[in-house]
Amino acid sequence: MPHIPLESHLPGITGLLEYNKVTAQPIRDLTQILLRGPSTLSEFDRELIATIVSHGNQCKFCTTAHTAAADLLAGEAETSQKIKEDIETAPVSEKMKALLTIAKLTGQSGRNVTPTHIERAKAAGATDIEIHDTVLIAALFSLYNRYVDGMGTALPDNPAYYNVLAERLVNHGYTRLPQGYDHLKK
């Protein structure tokens, strides 16, 4: 049960973002830029970063939501599952293994990222901006994870909600739907 009154048809982060649209807007804007804006990292890569951080922070809502988005973007579910099991054996490039490791470590504490981790990413072809954006995405999703869990938000009643959410994230990004979310009421 949420610690504050939230709309029951909006589980997880959506209810929090609707609760206070003033604080939600800059968070939504930054997320849209980082996950859907121009980048040499694909949208799939960036969803994997959100997934690994949320998984490491044990945030069930965010892990499931971003896994679903990554799976939809990839057209398969194996890769996102494998990165949660073991980054080093996952079917991603060496560059993504290095960036996912940096993301996972950032999710724990930014101080866990060492020059060795950065050197590995650069040796695998990661650019400075890719490293920057990986750390910023990881920090942002750590904020989201703590926000969602710290406010005790509800999980969806129906697991299919995550597929609907994934389609919204993939097709509309992280901006607020112009019509709002009343259509999700039961």
Protein backbone atom coordinates (compact mmCIF):
# COMPACT_ATOMS: atom_id res chain seq x y z
CA MET A 1 0.00 0.00 0.00
CA PRO A 2 1.46 3.38 -0.97
CA HIS A 3 2.58 5.68 1.82
CA ILE A 4 0.56 8.55 0.31
CA PRO A 5 -2.75 8.49 -1.59
CA LEU A 6 -2.06 7.64 -5.23
CA GLU A 7 -4.46 6.79 -8.02
CA SER A 8 -4.99 3.03 -7.78
CA HIS A 9 -5.03 2.51 -11.55
CA LEU A 10 -1.47 3.89 -11.82
CA PRO A 11 1.00 1.49 -10.20
CA GLY A 12 4.69 2.18 -9.76
CA ILE A 13 6.28 5.35 -11.01
CA THR A 14 3.30 6.49 -13.09
CA GLY A 15 1.20 7.15 -9.99
CA LEU A 16 4.02 9.17 -8.43
CA LEU A 17 4.57 11.21 -11.58
CA GLU A 18 0.85 11.99 -11.76
CA TYR A 19 0.77 12.87 -8.05
CA ASN A 20 3.08 15.84 -8.51
CA LYS A 21 3.35 16.94 -12.12
CA VAL A 22 5.62 19.87 -11.22
CA THR A 23 8.43 17.64 -9.93
CA ALA A 24 7.60 14.96 -12.49
CA GLN A 25 8.21 17.14 -15.54
CA PRO A 26 11.98 17.63 -15.19
CA ILE A 27 12.42 13.95 -14.36
CA ARG A 28 10.37 12.96 -17.42
CA ASP A 29 12.34 15.40 -19.60
CA LEU A 30 15.71 14.03 -18.48
CA THR A 31 14.55 10.45 -18.92
CA GLN A 32 13.25 11.19 -22.42
CA ILE A 33 16.56 12.79 -23.40
CA LEU A 34 18.66 9.96 -21.97
CA LEU A 35 16.60 6.98 -23.09
CA ARG A 36 15.02 8.20 -26.31
CA GLY A 37 17.14 11.13 -27.46
CA PRO A 38 19.95 10.97 -30.01
CA SER A 39 22.70 8.61 -28.90
CA THR A 40 25.21 6.15 -30.25
CA LEU A 41 23.72 3.72 -27.72
CA SER A 42 20.56 2.14 -29.05
CA GLU A 43 17.26 2.47 -27.21
CA PHE A 44 17.62 -1.24 -26.43
CA ASP A 45 21.08 -0.66 -24.90
CA ARG A 46 19.70 2.14 -22.75
CA GLU A 47 16.75 0.02 -21.60
CA LEU A 48 19.24 -2.71 -20.64
CA ILE A 49 21.06 -0.14 -18.50
CA ALA A 50 17.78 0.78 -16.78
CA THR A 51 17.05 -2.93 -16.32
CA ILE A 52 20.39 -3.87 -14.76
CA VAL A 53 20.31 -0.94 -12.34
CA SER A 54 16.71 -1.60 -11.30
CA HIS A 55 17.47 -5.31 -10.91
CA GLY A 56 20.51 -4.57 -8.75
CA ASN A 57 18.42 -2.22 -6.62
CA GLN A 58 15.76 -4.95 -6.28
CA CYS A 59 13.01 -2.66 -7.54
CA LYS A 60 10.46 -5.13 -8.88
CA PHE A 61 8.28 -2.58 -10.67
CA CYS A 62 11.15 -0.87 -12.52
CA THR A 63 12.98 -4.12 -13.29
CA THR A 64 9.89 -5.70 -14.80
CA ALA A 65 8.89 -2.55 -16.70
CA HIS A 66 12.29 -1.97 -18.29
CA THR A 67 12.85 -5.65 -18.98
CA ALA A 68 9.55 -5.62 -20.89
CA ALA A 69 10.61 -2.50 -22.82
CA ALA A 70 14.03 -3.99 -23.65
CA ASP A 71 12.40 -7.25 -24.75
CA LEU A 72 9.95 -5.40 -26.99
CA LEU A 73 12.75 -3.38 -28.58
CA ALA A 74 14.87 -6.50 -29.12
CA GLY A 75 12.04 -8.74 -30.25
CA GLU A 76 13.27 -11.38 -27.81
CA ALA A 77 13.56 -11.93 -24.06
CA GLU A 78 16.82 -13.86 -23.72
CA THR A 79 19.26 -10.95 -23.60
CA SER A 80 17.60 -9.02 -20.79
CA GLN A 81 17.28 -12.21 -18.75
CA LYS A 82 20.93 -13.12 -19.33
CA ILE A 83 22.26 -9.70 -18.27
CA LYS A 84 20.37 -10.06 -14.97
CA GLU A 85 21.92 -13.50 -14.44
CA ASP A 86 25.50 -12.68 -15.46
CA ILE A 87 26.63 -9.72 -17.51
CA GLU A 88 29.85 -11.43 -18.56
CA THR A 89 28.10 -14.35 -20.26
CA ALA A 90 25.21 -12.33 -21.72
CA PRO A 91 24.90 -12.13 -25.52
CA VAL A 92 25.95 -8.48 -25.79
CA SER A 93 29.10 -6.81 -27.11
CA GLU A 94 32.18 -6.35 -24.96
CA LYS A 95 31.42 -2.63 -24.94
CA MET A 96 27.93 -3.26 -23.53
CA LYS A 97 29.31 -5.70 -20.96
CA ALA A 98 31.68 -2.98 -19.76
CA LEU A 99 28.95 -0.30 -19.75
CA LEU A 100 26.44 -2.57 -18.01
CA THR A 101 29.04 -3.32 -15.35
CA ILE A 102 29.60 0.41 -14.85
CA ALA A 103 25.83 0.92 -14.63
CA LYS A 104 25.40 -1.88 -12.10
CA LEU A 105 28.24 -0.52 -9.96
CA THR A 106 26.86 3.04 -10.17
CA GLY A 107 23.52 1.71 -8.95
CA GLN A 108 25.27 0.42 -5.83
CA SER A 109 27.47 3.48 -5.30
CA GLY A 110 29.16 5.79 -7.75
CA ARG A 111 32.39 5.22 -5.85
CA ASN A 112 32.37 1.58 -6.93
CA VAL A 113 33.25 2.64 -10.47
CA THR A 114 37.04 2.62 -10.76
CA PRO A 115 39.48 3.76 -13.44
CA THR A 116 39.86 0.08 -14.36
CA HIS A 117 36.16 -0.13 -15.24
CA ILE A 118 36.41 3.02 -17.34
CA GLU A 119 39.56 1.77 -19.10
CA ARG A 120 37.81 -1.52 -19.91
CA ALA A 121 34.87 0.35 -21.46
CA LYS A 122 37.16 2.59 -23.51
CA ALA A 123 39.25 -0.36 -24.67
CA ALA A 124 36.01 -2.01 -25.86
CA GLY A 125 35.14 1.11 -27.88
CA ALA A 126 32.95 3.13 -25.51
CA THR A 127 33.15 6.87 -26.02
CA ASP A 128 33.32 9.42 -23.24
CA ILE A 129 29.71 10.46 -23.89
CA GLU A 130 28.55 6.82 -23.75
CA ILE A 131 30.28 6.39 -20.40
CA HIS A 132 28.81 9.68 -19.18
CA ASP A 133 25.31 8.74 -20.29
CA THR A 134 25.59 5.24 -18.80
CA VAL A 135 26.47 6.68 -15.39
CA LEU A 136 23.75 9.32 -15.64
CA ILE A 137 21.11 6.75 -16.67
CA ALA A 138 22.23 4.52 -13.79
CA ALA A 139 22.03 7.41 -11.33
CA LEU A 140 18.60 8.44 -12.65
CA PHE A 141 17.23 4.92 -12.35
CA SER A 142 18.63 4.62 -8.85
CA LEU A 143 16.54 7.71 -8.08
CA TYR A 144 13.49 6.11 -9.69
CA ASN A 145 14.04 2.82 -7.84
CA ARG A 146 14.32 4.55 -4.49
CA TYR A 147 11.34 6.81 -5.29
CA VAL A 148 9.09 3.88 -6.29
CA ASP A 149 10.08 1.65 -3.37
CA GLY A 150 10.48 4.44 -0.82
CA MET A 151 6.91 5.56 -1.45
CA GLY A 152 5.62 1.99 -1.27
CA THR A 153 3.93 2.16 -4.66
CA ALA A 154 1.68 -0.68 -5.72
CA LEU A 155 2.54 -3.33 -8.25
CA PRO A 156 0.01 -3.88 -11.04
CA ASP A 157 -2.76 -6.37 -10.33
CA ASN A 158 -2.33 -7.88 -13.78
CA PRO A 159 1.19 -8.77 -15.04
CA ALA A 160 0.04 -7.89 -18.57
CA TYR A 161 0.19 -4.25 -17.43
CA TYR A 162 3.96 -4.37 -18.02
CA ASN A 163 3.44 -5.22 -21.70
CA VAL A 164 1.08 -2.25 -22.08
CA LEU A 165 3.60 -0.05 -20.30
CA ALA A 166 6.44 -1.35 -22.50
CA GLU A 167 4.46 -0.50 -25.64
CA ARG A 168 3.82 3.00 -24.28
CA LEU A 169 7.53 3.50 -23.46
CA VAL A 170 8.69 2.18 -26.83
CA ASN A 171 6.09 4.02 -28.90
CA HIS A 172 5.62 7.25 -26.92
CA GLY A 173 8.79 7.50 -24.86
CA TYR A 174 8.90 8.91 -21.37
CA THR A 175 6.73 11.94 -21.93
CA ARG A 176 3.32 12.20 -20.31
CA LEU A 177 0.50 11.07 -22.56
CA PRO A 178 -1.37 14.22 -23.68
CA GLN A 179 -4.70 12.70 -22.67
CA GLY A 180 -3.42 11.56 -19.27
CA TYR A 181 -4.07 8.10 -17.88
CA ASP A 182 -7.78 7.95 -17.07
CA HIS A 183 -8.18 5.38 -19.85
CA LEU A 184 -6.33 2.91 -17.58
CA LYS A 185 -9.05 3.02 -14.93
CA LYS A 186 -11.00 -0.18 -14.56
